[in-house]
Amino acid sequence: MKQNTHTNQRPFVFLSTICFGALCYFYIQEKSALLASFLKQYIHRKHFVIQQDGTIHPATSIPFQEPMLPAIFSDPLNELFNQLQQKKGYLTLFSPDDNTYDILLKLIDQEYEKISIAIFSFTDGVIVKALELAIKRGVTVEIITDKNCLVDRYGKIDDLYHAGATIYVYNPNYYNKKKPGIMHHKFIIFSKNFTQKGLVWTGSYNFTKSARYYNQENVIVLNRKGIVTRYTKQFEQIKTRSDVYRPFLTPYQQQKKSLH
């Protein structure tokens, strides 16, 4: 008598389906948190910003780029958090190889008290928007920059001033030497960030699209208390060598205004 092969295979197919379903369930459970993190990052970058208190803010107009496959289930802060929490106290970044830009935006988004910036060149509008949102949620923003940043036709200092940041411009003749000096620092002090501690961001990275996309840059992020204190003292010292910014028309702005 010929056996019904389809009938004999039913238990095997049934058990296989159950096993496959169980594997899928546990895999999804394991990856769900990472997937949620990715979706939150996608929404944060493309549509709107969700703050920790649940409030929603307008998008910062960050151009969304499809991430590489290894980064699909990652959050830019995860690596930073792990490095800082594992008693290393620092994270090294290289641009454009690492996700330096995303980590910078996340750190701005996660600050609770004060952001102190010493920067030579500032032309990146997306970083301006991130700082504007920080100011709106009550974060104090202070910036020391070089005089050359004021005459850059793409400079964003005036935008930051009108957003509520306090701006200082380094006095190139402070030391009364034959050759004027420049304020060439590129560092940020975060007073109370996601680690509930202060952080220092320092390196060669200017706030420009060239630094973001093209240049070979380096950054190190540190949360050691002594380093944060030292940078904070130096920031306050440079403020005494600088003038408080007052809006004025640059030569480019004057020329543009005369055409209208």
Protein backbone atom coordinates (compact mmCIF):
# COMPACT_ATOMS: atom_id res chain seq x y z
CA MET A 1 0.00 0.00 0.00
CA LYS A 2 1.40 3.35 -1.03
CA GLN A 3 1.97 5.73 1.88
CA ASN A 4 0.85 9.33 1.74
CA THR A 5 4.17 11.19 1.90
CA HIS A 6 2.40 14.50 2.42
CA THR A 7 0.69 13.15 5.55
CA ASN A 8 3.98 11.81 6.97
CA GLN A 9 5.71 15.15 6.44
CA ARG A 10 3.09 17.20 8.27
CA PRO A 11 4.53 16.71 11.83
CA PHE A 12 8.01 17.62 10.59
CA VAL A 13 6.73 20.73 8.80
CA PHE A 14 4.69 21.70 11.87
CA LEU A 15 7.67 21.34 14.24
CA SER A 16 9.94 23.20 11.83
CA THR A 17 7.47 26.06 11.64
CA ILE A 18 7.29 26.28 15.44
CA CYS A 19 11.09 26.26 15.78
CA PHE A 20 11.53 28.88 13.09
CA GLY A 21 8.86 31.06 14.69
CA ALA A 22 10.52 30.75 18.11
CA LEU A 23 13.91 31.70 16.68
CA CYS A 24 12.39 34.72 14.94
CA TYR A 25 10.65 35.75 18.17
CA PHE A 26 13.81 35.65 20.28
CA TYR A 27 15.85 37.37 17.56
CA ILE A 28 13.29 40.18 17.31
CA GLN A 29 13.19 40.49 21.12
CA GLU A 30 16.98 40.83 21.17
CA LYS A 31 17.11 43.35 18.36
CA SER A 32 13.98 45.34 19.19
CA ALA A 33 15.78 47.82 21.45
CA LEU A 34 18.47 48.40 18.84
CA LEU A 35 15.87 48.72 16.11
CA ALA A 36 13.95 51.25 18.21
CA SER A 37 17.17 53.19 18.69
CA PHE A 38 17.74 53.24 14.93
CA LEU A 39 14.16 54.35 14.24
CA LYS A 40 14.43 57.08 16.87
CA GLN A 41 17.66 58.27 15.26
CA TYR A 42 16.01 58.25 11.82
CA ILE A 43 13.03 60.25 13.10
CA HIS A 44 15.33 62.61 15.00
CA ARG A 45 17.29 63.36 11.83
CA LYS A 46 14.56 63.47 9.22
CA HIS A 47 11.34 64.72 10.75
CA PHE A 48 11.50 66.08 14.29
CA VAL A 49 13.44 65.94 17.54
CA ILE A 50 12.05 64.09 20.56
CA GLN A 51 13.55 65.34 23.81
CA GLN A 52 13.88 63.23 26.97
CA ASP A 53 10.88 64.97 28.53
CA GLY A 54 8.73 63.91 25.58
CA THR A 55 8.50 67.34 23.95
CA ILE A 56 8.75 67.52 20.18
CA HIS A 57 10.74 70.16 18.35
CA PRO A 58 11.05 71.00 14.63
CA ALA A 59 13.57 69.09 12.56
CA THR A 60 17.07 70.52 12.41
CA SER A 61 17.16 70.04 8.63
CA ILE A 62 19.90 67.44 8.90
CA PRO A 63 20.27 65.76 5.49
CA PHE A 64 19.58 62.07 6.12
CA GLN A 65 22.06 59.58 4.71
CA GLU A 66 21.40 55.86 4.58
CA PRO A 67 23.74 54.30 7.16
CA MET A 68 26.20 51.55 6.35
CA LEU A 69 24.96 48.08 7.31
CA PRO A 70 27.10 47.75 10.48
CA ALA A 71 25.56 50.98 11.82
CA ILE A 72 21.90 50.10 11.21
CA PHE A 73 21.30 48.88 14.76
CA SER A 74 23.59 51.36 16.55
CA ASP A 75 23.21 54.70 18.31
CA PRO A 76 26.06 57.20 17.95
CA LEU A 77 26.23 57.59 21.73
CA ASN A 78 26.49 53.87 22.52
CA GLU A 79 30.16 53.56 21.68
CA LEU A 80 30.94 56.84 23.43
CA PHE A 81 29.02 55.79 26.54
CA ASN A 82 30.73 52.40 26.68
CA GLN A 83 34.20 53.88 26.27
CA LEU A 84 33.64 56.50 28.96
CA GLN A 85 31.99 54.09 31.41
CA GLN A 86 34.64 51.35 31.12
CA LYS A 87 37.14 53.38 33.16
CA LYS A 88 38.89 54.57 30.01
CA GLY A 89 37.50 58.06 30.34
CA TYR A 90 38.09 58.95 26.71
CA LEU A 91 37.06 58.23 23.13
CA THR A 92 39.15 58.95 20.03
CA LEU A 93 37.43 59.84 16.76
CA PHE A 94 38.73 60.41 13.26
CA SER A 95 36.78 62.17 10.55
CA PRO A 96 35.51 61.20 8.03
CA ASP A 97 36.13 57.55 9.09
CA ASP A 98 34.07 57.66 12.32
CA ASN A 99 30.60 59.06 13.01
CA THR A 100 32.17 62.18 14.55
CA TYR A 101 29.48 64.56 13.32
CA ASP A 102 26.58 62.47 14.66
CA ILE A 103 28.23 62.18 18.07
CA LEU A 104 28.73 65.96 18.20
CA LEU A 105 25.04 66.59 17.47
CA LYS A 106 24.00 63.98 20.05
CA LEU A 107 26.21 65.55 22.72
CA ILE A 108 24.65 68.95 22.05
CA ASP A 109 21.21 67.35 22.25
CA GLN A 110 22.04 65.64 25.57
CA GLU A 111 23.46 68.68 27.40
CA TYR A 112 21.48 69.88 30.43
CA GLU A 113 23.29 72.99 31.72
CA LYS A 114 25.96 74.77 29.69
CA ILE A 115 27.95 74.46 26.47
CA SER A 116 31.19 76.45 26.22
CA ILE A 117 32.75 76.54 22.75
CA ALA A 118 36.12 77.85 21.57
CA ILE A 119 36.16 77.59 17.78
CA PHE A 120 38.22 79.14 15.00
CA SER A 121 35.78 78.64 12.10
CA PHE A 122 32.00 78.19 12.32
CA THR A 123 30.03 77.87 9.06
CA ASP A 124 27.93 74.72 9.60
CA GLY A 125 24.24 75.65 9.77
CA VAL A 126 23.12 72.29 11.18
CA ILE A 127 25.27 72.73 14.29
CA VAL A 128 23.75 76.21 14.64
CA LYS A 129 20.25 74.68 14.64
CA ALA A 130 21.28 72.11 17.25
CA LEU A 131 22.63 74.88 19.50
CA GLU A 132 19.48 76.94 18.94
CA LEU A 133 17.37 74.03 20.21
CA ALA A 134 19.67 73.68 23.22
CA ILE A 135 19.19 77.37 24.04
CA LYS A 136 15.40 77.00 23.74
CA ARG A 137 15.38 74.23 26.33
CA GLY A 138 17.35 76.40 28.78
CA VAL A 139 20.98 75.48 28.09
CA THR A 140 23.48 78.35 28.37
CA VAL A 141 25.71 78.63 25.29
CA GLU A 142 28.93 80.66 25.27
CA ILE A 143 31.22 80.88 22.26
CA ILE A 144 34.71 82.33 21.85
CA THR A 145 35.80 82.75 18.25
CA ASP A 146 38.42 84.44 16.14
CA LYS A 147 37.96 87.77 14.40
CA ASN A 148 38.32 86.07 11.01
CA CYS A 149 35.12 84.15 11.70
CA LEU A 150 33.19 87.43 11.67
CA VAL A 151 34.22 88.39 8.13
CA ASP A 152 33.61 84.94 6.66
CA ARG A 153 30.65 85.31 4.29
CA TYR A 154 29.39 81.90 5.44
CA GLY A 155 30.03 82.55 9.14
CA LYS A 156 27.20 81.74 11.57
CA ILE A 157 28.19 83.85 14.59
CA ASP A 158 25.47 86.44 13.99
CA ASP A 159 22.83 83.71 13.77
CA LEU A 160 23.98 82.30 17.11
CA TYR A 161 23.96 85.75 18.70
CA HIS A 162 20.33 86.30 17.70
CA ALA A 163 19.45 82.79 18.92
CA GLY A 164 20.59 83.76 22.42
CA ALA A 165 24.21 82.63 22.62
CA THR A 166 26.81 84.85 24.30
CA ILE A 167 29.65 85.50 21.86
CA TYR A 168 33.20 86.61 22.60
CA VAL A 169 35.71 87.65 19.93
CA TYR A 170 39.39 87.17 20.73
CA ASN A 171 41.47 90.36 20.65
CA PRO A 172 44.34 89.65 18.21
CA ASN A 173 46.41 92.48 19.71
CA TYR A 174 46.00 91.39 23.33
CA TYR A 175 49.73 90.75 23.81
CA ASN A 176 50.81 93.90 21.91
CA LYS A 177 53.26 92.00 19.75
CA LYS A 178 54.39 92.88 16.23
CA LYS A 179 52.30 90.13 14.70
CA PRO A 180 48.66 89.77 15.84
CA GLY A 181 47.60 86.39 17.16
CA ILE A 182 44.57 84.27 16.37
CA MET A 183 42.17 82.20 18.48
CA HIS A 184 42.93 78.80 16.95
CA HIS A 185 41.30 76.51 19.52
CA LYS A 186 38.66 73.93 18.63
CA PHE A 187 37.20 72.60 21.86
CA ILE A 188 33.85 72.29 23.63
CA ILE A 189 33.07 71.93 27.32
CA PHE A 190 29.79 70.20 28.18
CA SER A 191 28.97 70.98 31.82
CA LYS A 192 26.48 68.16 32.48
CA ASN A 193 25.88 65.66 29.72
CA PHE A 194 24.43 62.16 29.37
CA THR A 195 26.96 60.75 31.87
CA GLN A 196 25.77 63.37 34.41
CA LYS A 197 29.36 64.63 34.32
CA GLY A 198 31.30 67.25 32.43
CA LEU A 199 32.85 66.37 29.07
CA VAL A 200 35.57 67.93 26.93
CA TRP A 201 35.56 67.64 23.14
CA THR A 202 38.87 68.74 21.60
CA GLY A 203 40.93 68.23 18.45
CA SER A 204 41.36 69.69 14.97
CA TYR A 205 37.65 69.70 14.07
CA ASN A 206 36.21 73.08 13.00
CA PHE A 207 32.45 73.51 12.62
CA THR A 208 32.52 73.45 8.83
CA LYS A 209 31.16 71.22 6.09
CA SER A 210 34.74 70.63 4.95
CA ALA A 211 35.57 69.15 8.35
CA ARG A 212 32.42 67.05 8.16
CA TYR A 213 32.79 65.64 4.66
CA TYR A 214 36.30 66.09 3.28
CA ASN A 215 39.06 66.90 5.77
CA GLN A 216 41.19 64.50 7.76
CA GLU A 217 40.35 65.53 11.33
CA ASN A 218 40.81 64.15 14.83
CA VAL A 219 38.76 64.52 18.02
CA ILE A 220 39.12 63.16 21.53
CA VAL A 221 36.25 63.22 24.05
CA LEU A 222 37.20 63.08 27.74
CA ASN A 223 35.22 62.97 30.98
CA ARG A 224 38.05 63.17 33.50
CA LYS A 225 37.23 65.78 36.12
CA GLY A 226 40.71 67.31 36.20
CA ILE A 227 40.76 67.82 32.44
CA VAL A 228 37.28 69.36 32.41
CA THR A 229 38.34 71.75 35.19
CA ARG A 230 41.53 72.73 33.37
CA TYR A 231 39.70 73.47 30.11
CA THR A 232 37.02 75.42 31.96
CA LYS A 233 39.65 77.63 33.62
CA GLN A 234 41.36 78.23 30.28
CA PHE A 235 38.05 79.10 28.63
CA GLU A 236 37.40 81.72 31.30
CA GLN A 237 40.94 83.03 30.85
CA ILE A 238 40.49 83.45 27.09
CA LYS A 239 37.25 85.35 27.75
CA THR A 240 39.31 88.00 29.57
CA ARG A 241 41.41 88.37 26.40
CA SER A 242 38.34 88.82 24.24
CA ASP A 243 35.62 91.38 23.55
CA VAL A 244 31.89 90.79 23.82
CA TYR A 245 30.42 90.46 20.34
CA ARG A 246 28.15 93.18 19.00
CA PRO A 247 26.42 92.69 15.62
CA PHE A 248 27.82 94.68 12.75
CA LEU A 249 27.74 94.53 8.98
CA THR A 250 30.69 92.73 7.44
CA PRO A 251 32.09 94.09 4.14
CA TYR A 252 30.18 91.35 2.32
CA GLN A 253 26.93 92.25 4.14
CA GLN A 254 27.46 95.96 3.44
CA GLN A 255 27.96 95.24 -0.24
CA LYS A 256 24.88 93.01 -0.32
CA LYS A 257 22.78 95.66 1.45
CA SER A 258 23.90 98.41 -0.97
CA LEU A 259 22.59 96.37 -3.90
CA HIS A 260 19.00 96.49 -2.57
